Amino acid sequence: MSNTEQPPPSELKSSFTSTTGGVLTVEVGAITGDLELLTRPTDGGIETQVRYAGARDLYTVTGSPVPTTDTHHKAHESILKQLTTPGRIEHGNELPVDLAL
């Protein structure tokens, strides 16, 4: 590796605002509002966590880790798109989104 090359990041982050239904997490159920997405590659796929913007507590998104053959960056973008796409409407309410298959 030359002096100008950087290793690929082990963790990617993106800020986003949840849809009305929020993002479904393992630990606390749905969370809504201004959030941060953190992803990192693992042997089982892409580990996916969210937290409230500026907070320290991380929550695992239901369905994580996400199996993929894509690059980490491409998988991160795909996960972000899925988490910012509104969930199904049931009885007039938007359901939270997750990564479960």
PDB file of N, CA and C in Angstrom:
ATOM      1  N   MET A   1       0.850  -1.171   0.000  1.00  0.00           N
ATOM      2  CA  MET A   1       0.000   0.000   0.000  1.00  0.00           C
ATOM      3  C   MET A   1       0.895   1.233   0.000  1.00  0.00           C
ATOM      4  N   SER A   2       0.642   2.180  -0.864  1.00  0.00           N
ATOM      5  CA  SER A   2       1.446   3.394  -0.913  1.00  0.00           C
ATOM      6  C   SER A   2       1.026   4.336   0.199  1.00  0.00           C
ATOM      7  N   ASN A   3       1.793   5.407   0.368  1.00  0.00           N
ATOM      8  CA  ASN A   3       1.488   6.375   1.422  1.00  0.00           C
ATOM      9  C   ASN A   3       0.176   7.104   1.194  1.00  0.00           C
ATOM     10  N   THR A   4      -0.302   7.163  -0.050  1.00  0.00           N
ATOM     11  CA  THR A   4      -1.530   7.902  -0.339  1.00  0.00           C
ATOM     12  C   THR A   4      -2.768   7.022  -0.276  1.00  0.00           C
ATOM     13  N   GLU A   5      -2.603   5.719  -0.265  1.00  0.00           N
ATOM     14  CA  GLU A   5      -3.757   4.817  -0.200  1.00  0.00           C
ATOM     15  C   GLU A   5      -4.233   4.681   1.234  1.00  0.00           C
ATOM     16  N   GLN A   6      -5.528   4.622   1.406  1.00  0.00           N
ATOM     17  CA  GLN A   6      -6.129   4.429   2.721  1.00  0.00           C
ATOM     18  C   GLN A   6      -6.839   3.085   2.741  1.00  0.00           C
ATOM     19  N   PRO A   7      -6.778   2.360   3.855  1.00  0.00           N
ATOM     20  CA  PRO A   7      -7.542   1.114   3.931  1.00  0.00           C
ATOM     21  C   PRO A   7      -9.028   1.433   3.898  1.00  0.00           C
ATOM     22  N   PRO A   8      -9.851   0.503   3.434  1.00  0.00           N
ATOM     23  CA  PRO A   8     -11.287   0.767   3.426  1.00  0.00           C
ATOM     24  C   PRO A   8     -11.786   0.963   4.849  1.00  0.00           C
ATOM     25  N   PRO A   9     -12.731   1.869   5.050  1.00  0.00           N
ATOM     26  CA  PRO A   9     -13.224   2.102   6.408  1.00  0.00           C
ATOM     27  C   PRO A   9     -13.920   0.851   6.938  1.00  0.00           C
ATOM     28  N   SER A  10     -13.712   0.588   8.222  1.00  0.00           N
ATOM     29  CA  SER A  10     -14.356  -0.583   8.809  1.00  0.00           C
ATOM     30  C   SER A  10     -15.779  -0.257   9.242  1.00  0.00           C
ATOM     31  N   GLU A  11     -16.101   1.025   9.276  1.00  0.00           N
ATOM     32  CA  GLU A  11     -17.440   1.441   9.683  1.00  0.00           C
ATOM     33  C   GLU A  11     -17.859   2.620   8.816  1.00  0.00           C
ATOM     34  N   LEU A  12     -19.090   2.558   8.323  1.00  0.00           N
ATOM     35  CA  LEU A  12     -19.647   3.679   7.557  1.00  0.00           C
ATOM     36  C   LEU A  12     -20.806   4.275   8.343  1.00  0.00           C
ATOM     37  N   LYS A  13     -20.953   5.600   8.252  1.00  0.00           N
ATOM     38  CA  LYS A  13     -22.015   6.307   8.972  1.00  0.00           C
ATOM     39  C   LYS A  13     -22.760   7.221   8.021  1.00  0.00           C
ATOM     40  N   SER A  14     -24.068   7.347   8.255  1.00  0.00           N
ATOM     41  CA  SER A  14     -24.900   8.297   7.520  1.00  0.00           C
ATOM     42  C   SER A  14     -25.954   8.844   8.465  1.00  0.00           C
ATOM     43  N   SER A  15     -26.245  10.124   8.333  1.00  0.00           N
ATOM     44  CA  SER A  15     -27.340  10.738   9.084  1.00  0.00           C
ATOM     45  C   SER A  15     -28.587  10.706   8.211  1.00  0.00           C
ATOM     46  N   PHE A  16     -29.733  10.495   8.836  1.00  0.00           N
ATOM     47  CA  PHE A  16     -30.996  10.494   8.097  1.00  0.00           C
ATOM     48  C   PHE A  16     -32.150  10.759   9.057  1.00  0.00           C
ATOM     49  N   THR A  17     -33.285  11.105   8.497  1.00  0.00           N
ATOM     50  CA  THR A  17     -34.513  11.266   9.273  1.00  0.00           C
ATOM     51  C   THR A  17     -35.412  10.094   8.944  1.00  0.00           C
ATOM     52  N   SER A  18     -35.898   9.431   9.989  1.00  0.00           N
ATOM     53  CA  SER A  18     -36.748   8.257   9.769  1.00  0.00           C
ATOM     54  C   SER A  18     -38.068   8.659   9.121  1.00  0.00           C
ATOM     55  N   THR A  19     -38.726   7.672   8.558  1.00  0.00           N
ATOM     56  CA  THR A  19     -40.085   7.890   8.092  1.00  0.00           C
ATOM     57  C   THR A  19     -40.992   7.920   9.326  1.00  0.00           C
ATOM     58  N   THR A  20     -42.249   8.186   9.146  1.00  0.00           N
ATOM     59  CA  THR A  20     -43.190   8.292  10.263  1.00  0.00           C
ATOM     60  C   THR A  20     -43.205   7.032  11.116  1.00  0.00           C
ATOM     61  N   GLY A  21     -43.135   5.868  10.499  1.00  0.00           N
ATOM     62  CA  GLY A  21     -43.197   4.610  11.243  1.00  0.00           C
ATOM     63  C   GLY A  21     -41.927   4.275  12.003  1.00  0.00           C
ATOM     64  N   GLY A  22     -40.817   4.888  11.620  1.00  0.00           N
ATOM     65  CA  GLY A  22     -39.558   4.673  12.314  1.00  0.00           C
ATOM     66  C   GLY A  22     -38.798   3.454  11.823  1.00  0.00           C
ATOM     67  N   VAL A  23     -37.732   3.139  12.563  1.00  0.00           N
ATOM     68  CA  VAL A  23     -36.870   1.998  12.282  1.00  0.00           C
ATOM     69  C   VAL A  23     -37.022   1.010  13.426  1.00  0.00           C
ATOM     70  N   LEU A  24     -37.311  -0.239  13.108  1.00  0.00           N
ATOM     71  CA  LEU A  24     -37.527  -1.262  14.131  1.00  0.00           C
ATOM     72  C   LEU A  24     -36.185  -1.804  14.614  1.00  0.00           C
ATOM     73  N   THR A  25     -35.978  -1.744  15.939  1.00  0.00           N
ATOM     74  CA  THR A  25     -34.741  -2.243  16.534  1.00  0.00           C
ATOM     75  C   THR A  25     -35.030  -3.426  17.449  1.00  0.00           C
ATOM     76  N   VAL A  26     -34.005  -4.223  17.675  1.00  0.00           N
ATOM     77  CA  VAL A  26     -34.122  -5.405  18.531  1.00  0.00           C
ATOM     78  C   VAL A  26     -34.338  -4.986  19.987  1.00  0.00           C
ATOM     79  N   GLU A  27     -33.587  -3.987  20.430  1.00  0.00           N
ATOM     80  CA  GLU A  27     -33.552  -3.644  21.850  1.00  0.00           C
ATOM     81  C   GLU A  27     -34.751  -2.831  22.343  1.00  0.00           C
ATOM     82  N   VAL A  28     -35.215  -1.861  21.554  1.00  0.00           N
ATOM     83  CA  VAL A  28     -36.230  -0.931  22.066  1.00  0.00           C
ATOM     84  C   VAL A  28     -37.449  -0.765  21.165  1.00  0.00           C
ATOM     85  N   GLY A  29     -37.575  -1.587  20.128  1.00  0.00           N
ATOM     86  CA  GLY A  29     -38.694  -1.418  19.208  1.00  0.00           C
ATOM     87  C   GLY A  29     -38.398  -0.299  18.221  1.00  0.00           C
ATOM     88  N   ALA A  30     -39.425   0.420  17.812  1.00  0.00           N
ATOM     89  CA  ALA A  30     -39.269   1.457  16.783  1.00  0.00           C
ATOM     90  C   ALA A  30     -38.699   2.735  17.378  1.00  0.00           C
ATOM     91  N   ILE A  31     -37.752   3.343  16.646  1.00  0.00           N
ATOM     92  CA  ILE A  31     -37.261   4.672  17.001  1.00  0.00           C
ATOM     93  C   ILE A  31     -37.482   5.583  15.799  1.00  0.00           C
ATOM     94  N   THR A  32     -37.760   6.845  16.077  1.00  0.00           N
ATOM     95  CA  THR A  32     -38.096   7.802  15.020  1.00  0.00           C
ATOM     96  C   THR A  32     -37.299   9.086  15.205  1.00  0.00           C
ATOM     97  N   GLY A  33     -37.283   9.889  14.160  1.00  0.00           N
ATOM     98  CA  GLY A  33     -36.648  11.200  14.232  1.00  0.00           C
ATOM     99  C   GLY A  33     -35.324  11.233  13.497  1.00  0.00           C
ATOM    100  N   ASP A  34     -34.452  12.144  13.951  1.00  0.00           N
ATOM    101  CA  ASP A  34     -33.133  12.285  13.347  1.00  0.00           C
ATOM    102  C   ASP A  34     -32.230  11.190  13.886  1.00  0.00           C
ATOM    103  N   LEU A  35     -31.742  10.336  12.978  1.00  0.00           N
ATOM    104  CA  LEU A  35     -30.979   9.148  13.356  1.00  0.00           C
ATOM    105  C   LEU A  35     -29.644   9.092  12.622  1.00  0.00           C
ATOM    106  N   GLU A  36     -28.771   8.219  13.103  1.00  0.00           N
ATOM    107  CA  GLU A  36     -27.514   7.909  12.437  1.00  0.00           C
ATOM    108  C   GLU A  36     -27.478   6.415  12.171  1.00  0.00           C
ATOM    109  N   LEU A  37     -27.112   6.052  10.967  1.00  0.00           N
ATOM    110  CA  LEU A  37     -26.934   4.662  10.562  1.00  0.00           C
ATOM    111  C   LEU A  37     -25.456   4.333  10.630  1.00  0.00           C
ATOM    112  N   LEU A  38     -25.115   3.216  11.270  1.00  0.00           N
ATOM    113  CA  LEU A  38     -23.737   2.731  11.314  1.00  0.00           C
ATOM    114  C   LEU A  38     -23.722   1.306  10.795  1.00  0.00           C
ATOM    115  N   THR A  39     -22.849   1.041   9.846  1.00  0.00           N
ATOM    116  CA  THR A  39     -22.717  -0.319   9.313  1.00  0.00           C
ATOM    117  C   THR A  39     -21.260  -0.737   9.369  1.00  0.00           C
ATOM    118  N   ARG A  40     -21.056  -2.034   9.570  1.00  0.00           N
ATOM    119  CA  ARG A  40     -19.685  -2.582   9.515  1.00  0.00           C
ATOM    120  C   ARG A  40     -19.766  -4.006   9.010  1.00  0.00           C
ATOM    121  N   PRO A  41     -18.792  -4.396   8.193  1.00  0.00           N
ATOM    122  CA  PRO A  41     -18.783  -5.768   7.681  1.00  0.00           C
ATOM    123  C   PRO A  41     -18.393  -6.757   8.777  1.00  0.00           C
ATOM    124  N   THR A  42     -19.050  -7.916   8.763  1.00  0.00           N
ATOM    125  CA  THR A  42     -18.730  -9.018   9.668  1.00  0.00           C
ATOM    126  C   THR A  42     -18.702 -10.291   8.837  1.00  0.00           C
ATOM    127  N   ASP A  43     -18.328 -11.384   9.452  1.00  0.00           N
ATOM    128  CA  ASP A  43     -18.339 -12.665   8.744  1.00  0.00           C
ATOM    129  C   ASP A  43     -19.745 -13.050   8.302  1.00  0.00           C
ATOM    130  N   GLY A  44     -20.787 -12.580   9.034  1.00  0.00           N
ATOM    131  CA  GLY A  44     -22.162 -12.941   8.725  1.00  0.00           C
ATOM    132  C   GLY A  44     -22.874 -11.977   7.798  1.00  0.00           C
ATOM    133  N   GLY A  45     -22.188 -10.920   7.363  1.00  0.00           N
ATOM    134  CA  GLY A  45     -22.828  -9.919   6.512  1.00  0.00           C
ATOM    135  C   GLY A  45     -22.502  -8.520   7.001  1.00  0.00           C
ATOM    136  N   ILE A  46     -23.438  -7.597   6.825  1.00  0.00           N
ATOM    137  CA  ILE A  46     -23.242  -6.215   7.244  1.00  0.00           C
ATOM    138  C   ILE A  46     -24.027  -5.983   8.535  1.00  0.00           C
ATOM    139  N   GLU A  47     -23.299  -5.750   9.617  1.00  0.00           N
ATOM    140  CA  GLU A  47     -23.941  -5.429  10.899  1.00  0.00           C
ATOM    141  C   GLU A  47     -24.499  -4.021  10.792  1.00  0.00           C
ATOM    142  N   THR A  48     -25.754  -3.851  11.211  1.00  0.00           N
ATOM    143  CA  THR A  48     -26.438  -2.583  11.026  1.00  0.00           C
ATOM    144  C   THR A  48     -27.020  -2.097  12.338  1.00  0.00           C
ATOM    145  N   GLN A  49     -26.629  -0.881  12.720  1.00  0.00           N
ATOM    146  CA  GLN A  49     -27.119  -0.278  13.951  1.00  0.00           C
ATOM    147  C   GLN A  49     -27.563   1.148  13.668  1.00  0.00           C
ATOM    148  N   VAL A  50     -28.455   1.648  14.529  1.00  0.00           N
ATOM    149  CA  VAL A  50     -28.897   3.037  14.459  1.00  0.00           C
ATOM    150  C   VAL A  50     -28.831   3.634  15.859  1.00  0.00           C
ATOM    151  N   ARG A  51     -28.771   4.964  15.889  1.00  0.00           N
ATOM    152  CA  ARG A  51     -28.850   5.689  17.155  1.00  0.00           C
ATOM    153  C   ARG A  51     -29.462   7.046  16.872  1.00  0.00           C
ATOM    154  N   TYR A  52     -29.996   7.652  17.934  1.00  0.00           N
ATOM    155  CA  TYR A  52     -30.484   9.013  17.794  1.00  0.00           C
ATOM    156  C   TYR A  52     -29.283   9.905  17.489  1.00  0.00           C
ATOM    157  N   ALA A  53     -29.467  10.883  16.615  1.00  0.00           N
ATOM    158  CA  ALA A  53     -28.379  11.790  16.238  1.00  0.00           C
ATOM    159  C   ALA A  53     -27.769  12.404  17.497  1.00  0.00           C
ATOM    160  N   GLY A  54     -26.451  12.288  17.615  1.00  0.00           N
ATOM    161  CA  GLY A  54     -25.740  12.858  18.746  1.00  0.00           C
ATOM    162  C   GLY A  54     -25.705  11.992  19.988  1.00  0.00           C
ATOM    163  N   ALA A  55     -26.413  10.879  19.988  1.00  0.00           N
ATOM    164  CA  ALA A  55     -26.454  10.001  21.163  1.00  0.00           C
ATOM    165  C   ALA A  55     -25.343   8.962  21.094  1.00  0.00           C
ATOM    166  N   ARG A  56     -25.088   8.299  22.207  1.00  0.00           N
ATOM    167  CA  ARG A  56     -24.066   7.251  22.232  1.00  0.00           C
ATOM    168  C   ARG A  56     -24.671   5.856  22.116  1.00  0.00           C
ATOM    169  N   ASP A  57     -25.895   5.662  22.614  1.00  0.00           N
ATOM    170  CA  ASP A  57     -26.512   4.333  22.618  1.00  0.00           C
ATOM    171  C   ASP A  57     -26.835   3.872  21.210  1.00  0.00           C
ATOM    172  N   LEU A  58     -26.350   2.674  20.877  1.00  0.00           N
ATOM    173  CA  LEU A  58     -26.615   2.075  19.570  1.00  0.00           C
ATOM    174  C   LEU A  58     -27.636   0.962  19.703  1.00  0.00           C
ATOM    175  N   TYR A  59     -28.495   0.833  18.690  1.00  0.00           N
ATOM    176  CA  TYR A  59     -29.518  -0.202  18.659  1.00  0.00           C
ATOM    177  C   TYR A  59     -29.372  -1.015  17.377  1.00  0.00           C
ATOM    178  N   THR A  60     -29.493  -2.308  17.486  1.00  0.00           N
ATOM    179  CA  THR A  60     -29.397  -3.200  16.332  1.00  0.00           C
ATOM    180  C   THR A  60     -30.699  -3.164  15.549  1.00  0.00           C
ATOM    181  N   VAL A  61     -30.602  -2.928  14.248  1.00  0.00           N
ATOM    182  CA  VAL A  61     -31.789  -2.924  13.395  1.00  0.00           C
ATOM    183  C   VAL A  61     -32.246  -4.372  13.220  1.00  0.00           C
ATOM    184  N   THR A  62     -33.545  -4.604  13.391  1.00  0.00           N
ATOM    185  CA  THR A  62     -34.102  -5.941  13.204  1.00  0.00           C
ATOM    186  C   THR A  62     -33.759  -6.437  11.803  1.00  0.00           C
ATOM    187  N   GLY A  63     -33.188  -7.643  11.732  1.00  0.00           N
ATOM    188  CA  GLY A  63     -32.768  -8.222  10.466  1.00  0.00           C
ATOM    189  C   GLY A  63     -31.262  -8.160  10.253  1.00  0.00           C
ATOM    190  N   SER A  64     -30.546  -7.489  11.160  1.00  0.00           N
ATOM    191  CA  SER A  64     -29.086  -7.417  11.075  1.00  0.00           C
ATOM    192  C   SER A  64     -28.472  -8.676  11.676  1.00  0.00           C
ATOM    193  N   PRO A  65     -27.378  -9.187  11.112  1.00  0.00           N
ATOM    194  CA  PRO A  65     -26.615  -8.676   9.979  1.00  0.00           C
ATOM    195  C   PRO A  65     -27.293  -8.994   8.646  1.00  0.00           C
ATOM    196  N   VAL A  66     -27.028  -8.145   7.674  1.00  0.00           N
ATOM    197  CA  VAL A  66     -27.618  -8.281   6.352  1.00  0.00           C
ATOM    198  C   VAL A  66     -26.658  -9.072   5.455  1.00  0.00           C
ATOM    199  N   PRO A  67     -27.082 -10.262   4.991  1.00  0.00           N
ATOM    200  CA  PRO A  67     -26.206 -11.004   4.082  1.00  0.00           C
ATOM    201  C   PRO A  67     -26.105 -10.274   2.741  1.00  0.00           C
ATOM    202  N   THR A  68     -24.901 -10.205   2.199  1.00  0.00           N
ATOM    203  CA  THR A  68     -24.720  -9.512   0.926  1.00  0.00           C
ATOM    204  C   THR A  68     -23.434  -9.969   0.254  1.00  0.00           C
ATOM    205  N   THR A  69     -23.407  -9.812  -1.052  1.00  0.00           N
ATOM    206  CA  THR A  69     -22.173 -10.029  -1.796  1.00  0.00           C
ATOM    207  C   THR A  69     -21.657  -8.696  -2.338  1.00  0.00           C
ATOM    208  N   ASP A  70     -22.384  -7.613  -2.047  1.00  0.00           N
ATOM    209  CA  ASP A  70     -21.984  -6.274  -2.482  1.00  0.00           C
ATOM    210  C   ASP A  70     -20.816  -5.757  -1.644  1.00  0.00           C
ATOM    211  N   THR A  71     -20.183  -4.699  -2.130  1.00  0.00           N
ATOM    212  CA  THR A  71     -19.161  -4.030  -1.330  1.00  0.00           C
ATOM    213  C   THR A  71     -19.834  -3.406  -0.112  1.00  0.00           C
ATOM    214  N   HIS A  72     -19.044  -3.114   0.891  1.00  0.00           N
ATOM    215  CA  HIS A  72     -19.597  -2.491   2.100  1.00  0.00           C
ATOM    216  C   HIS A  72     -20.292  -1.176   1.755  1.00  0.00           C
ATOM    217  N   HIS A  73     -19.650  -0.347   0.943  1.00  0.00           N
ATOM    218  CA  HIS A  73     -20.236   0.948   0.601  1.00  0.00           C
ATOM    219  C   HIS A  73     -21.576   0.782  -0.123  1.00  0.00           C
ATOM    220  N   LYS A  74     -21.629  -0.125  -1.080  1.00  0.00           N
ATOM    221  CA  LYS A  74     -22.876  -0.348  -1.831  1.00  0.00           C
ATOM    222  C   LYS A  74     -23.963  -0.910  -0.911  1.00  0.00           C
ATOM    223  N   ALA A  75     -23.597  -1.839  -0.033  1.00  0.00           N
ATOM    224  CA  ALA A  75     -24.564  -2.402   0.916  1.00  0.00           C
ATOM    225  C   ALA A  75     -25.073  -1.325   1.864  1.00  0.00           C
ATOM    226  N   HIS A  76     -24.181  -0.448   2.327  1.00  0.00           N
ATOM    227  CA  HIS A  76     -24.573   0.647   3.223  1.00  0.00           C
ATOM    228  C   HIS A  76     -25.614   1.538   2.552  1.00  0.00           C
ATOM    229  N   GLU A  77     -25.353   1.911   1.296  1.00  0.00           N
ATOM    230  CA  GLU A  77     -26.297   2.754   0.558  1.00  0.00           C
ATOM    231  C   GLU A  77     -27.652   2.060   0.381  1.00  0.00           C
ATOM    232  N   SER A  78     -27.629   0.769   0.100  1.00  0.00           N
ATOM    233  CA  SER A  78     -28.857  -0.001  -0.067  1.00  0.00           C
ATOM    234  C   SER A  78     -29.644  -0.075   1.250  1.00  0.00           C
ATOM    235  N   ILE A  79     -28.935  -0.280   2.344  1.00  0.00           N
ATOM    236  CA  ILE A  79     -29.580  -0.333   3.670  1.00  0.00           C
ATOM    237  C   ILE A  79     -30.187   1.024   3.998  1.00  0.00           C
ATOM    238  N   LEU A  80     -29.453   2.102   3.740  1.00  0.00           N
ATOM    239  CA  LEU A  80     -29.969   3.447   3.998  1.00  0.00           C
ATOM    240  C   LEU A  80     -31.240   3.696   3.189  1.00  0.00           C
ATOM    241  N   LYS A  81     -31.234   3.299   1.937  1.00  0.00           N
ATOM    242  CA  LYS A  81     -32.428   3.469   1.093  1.00  0.00           C
ATOM    243  C   LYS A  81     -33.610   2.690   1.672  1.00  0.00           C
ATOM    244  N   GLN A  82     -33.361   1.460   2.120  1.00  0.00           N
ATOM    245  CA  GLN A  82     -34.442   0.654   2.686  1.00  0.00           C
ATOM    246  C   GLN A  82     -35.003   1.286   3.962  1.00  0.00           C
ATOM    247  N   LEU A  83     -34.122   1.827   4.801  1.00  0.00           N
ATOM    248  CA  LEU A  83     -34.576   2.409   6.073  1.00  0.00           C
ATOM    249  C   LEU A  83     -35.263   3.756   5.901  1.00  0.00           C
ATOM    250  N   THR A  84     -35.100   4.396   4.740  1.00  0.00           N
ATOM    251  CA  THR A  84     -35.759   5.683   4.491  1.00  0.00           C
ATOM    252  C   THR A  84     -36.945   5.557   3.542  1.00  0.00           C
ATOM    253  N   THR A  85     -37.299   4.328   3.213  1.00  0.00           N
ATOM    254  CA  THR A  85     -38.491   4.067   2.398  1.00  0.00           C
ATOM    255  C   THR A  85     -39.650   3.774   3.346  1.00  0.00           C
ATOM    256  N   PRO A  86     -40.765   4.504   3.230  1.00  0.00           N
ATOM    257  CA  PRO A  86     -41.877   4.286   4.160  1.00  0.00           C
ATOM    258  C   PRO A  86     -42.325   2.825   4.216  1.00  0.00           C
ATOM    259  N   GLY A  87     -42.706   2.402   5.418  1.00  0.00           N
ATOM    260  CA  GLY A  87     -43.207   1.051   5.634  1.00  0.00           C
ATOM    261  C   GLY A  87     -44.639   0.891   5.151  1.00  0.00           C
ATOM    262  N   ARG A  88     -45.131  -0.334   5.257  1.00  0.00           N
ATOM    263  CA  ARG A  88     -46.525  -0.627   4.883  1.00  0.00           C
ATOM    264  C   ARG A  88     -47.483   0.194   5.743  1.00  0.00           C
ATOM    265  N   ILE A  89     -48.635   0.456   5.188  1.00  0.00           N
ATOM    266  CA  ILE A  89     -49.702   1.129   5.929  1.00  0.00           C
ATOM    267  C   ILE A  89     -50.667   0.059   6.426  1.00  0.00           C
ATOM    268  N   GLU A  90     -50.938   0.082   7.708  1.00  0.00           N
ATOM    269  CA  GLU A  90     -51.859  -0.871   8.303  1.00  0.00           C
ATOM    270  C   GLU A  90     -52.809  -0.109   9.225  1.00  0.00           C
ATOM    271  N   HIS A  91     -54.099  -0.224   8.976  1.00  0.00           N
ATOM    272  CA  HIS A  91     -55.127   0.479   9.752  1.00  0.00           C
ATOM    273  C   HIS A  91     -54.850   1.985   9.810  1.00  0.00           C
ATOM    274  N   GLY A  92     -54.354   2.528   8.676  1.00  0.00           N
ATOM    275  CA  GLY A  92     -54.111   3.957   8.578  1.00  0.00           C
ATOM    276  C   GLY A  92     -52.791   4.423   9.173  1.00  0.00           C
ATOM    277  N   ASN A  93     -51.967   3.514   9.684  1.00  0.00           N
ATOM    278  CA  ASN A  93     -50.691   3.883  10.289  1.00  0.00           C
ATOM    279  C   ASN A  93     -49.532   3.222   9.552  1.00  0.00           C
ATOM    280  N   GLU A  94     -48.444   3.985   9.404  1.00  0.00           N
ATOM    281  CA  GLU A  94     -47.248   3.429   8.775  1.00  0.00           C
ATOM    282  C   GLU A  94     -46.508   2.544   9.771  1.00  0.00           C
ATOM    283  N   LEU A  95     -46.169   1.341   9.337  1.00  0.00           N
ATOM    284  CA  LEU A  95     -45.409   0.423  10.178  1.00  0.00           C
ATOM    285  C   LEU A  95     -43.924   0.773  10.103  1.00  0.00           C
ATOM    286  N   PRO A  96     -43.158   0.440  11.159  1.00  0.00           N
ATOM    287  CA  PRO A  96     -41.726   0.682  11.106  1.00  0.00           C
ATOM    288  C   PRO A  96     -41.058  -0.196  10.050  1.00  0.00           C
ATOM    289  N   VAL A  97     -39.923   0.265   9.555  1.00  0.00           N
ATOM    290  CA  VAL A  97     -39.156  -0.501   8.574  1.00  0.00           C
ATOM    291  C   VAL A  97     -38.045  -1.257   9.298  1.00  0.00           C
ATOM    292  N   ASP A  98     -37.633  -2.381   8.687  1.00  0.00           N
ATOM    293  CA  ASP A  98     -36.538  -3.175   9.242  1.00  0.00           C
ATOM    294  C   ASP A  98     -35.780  -3.802   8.081  1.00  0.00           C
ATOM    295  N   LEU A  99     -34.883  -4.725   8.399  1.00  0.00           N
ATOM    296  CA  LEU A  99     -34.077  -5.384   7.373  1.00  0.00           C
ATOM    297  C   LEU A  99     -34.372  -6.870   7.272  1.00  0.00           C
ATOM    298  N   ALA A 100     -35.434  -7.318   7.943  1.00  0.00           N
ATOM    299  CA  ALA A 100     -35.787  -8.745   7.920  1.00  0.00           C
ATOM    300  C   ALA A 100     -36.237  -9.121   6.511  1.00  0.00           C
ATOM    301  N   LEU A 101     -35.855 -10.314   6.113  1.00  0.00           N
ATOM    302  CA  LEU A 101     -36.230 -10.803   4.782  1.00  0.00           C
ATOM    303  C   LEU A 101     -37.646 -11.282   4.729  1.00  0.00           C
TER     304      LEU A 101
END
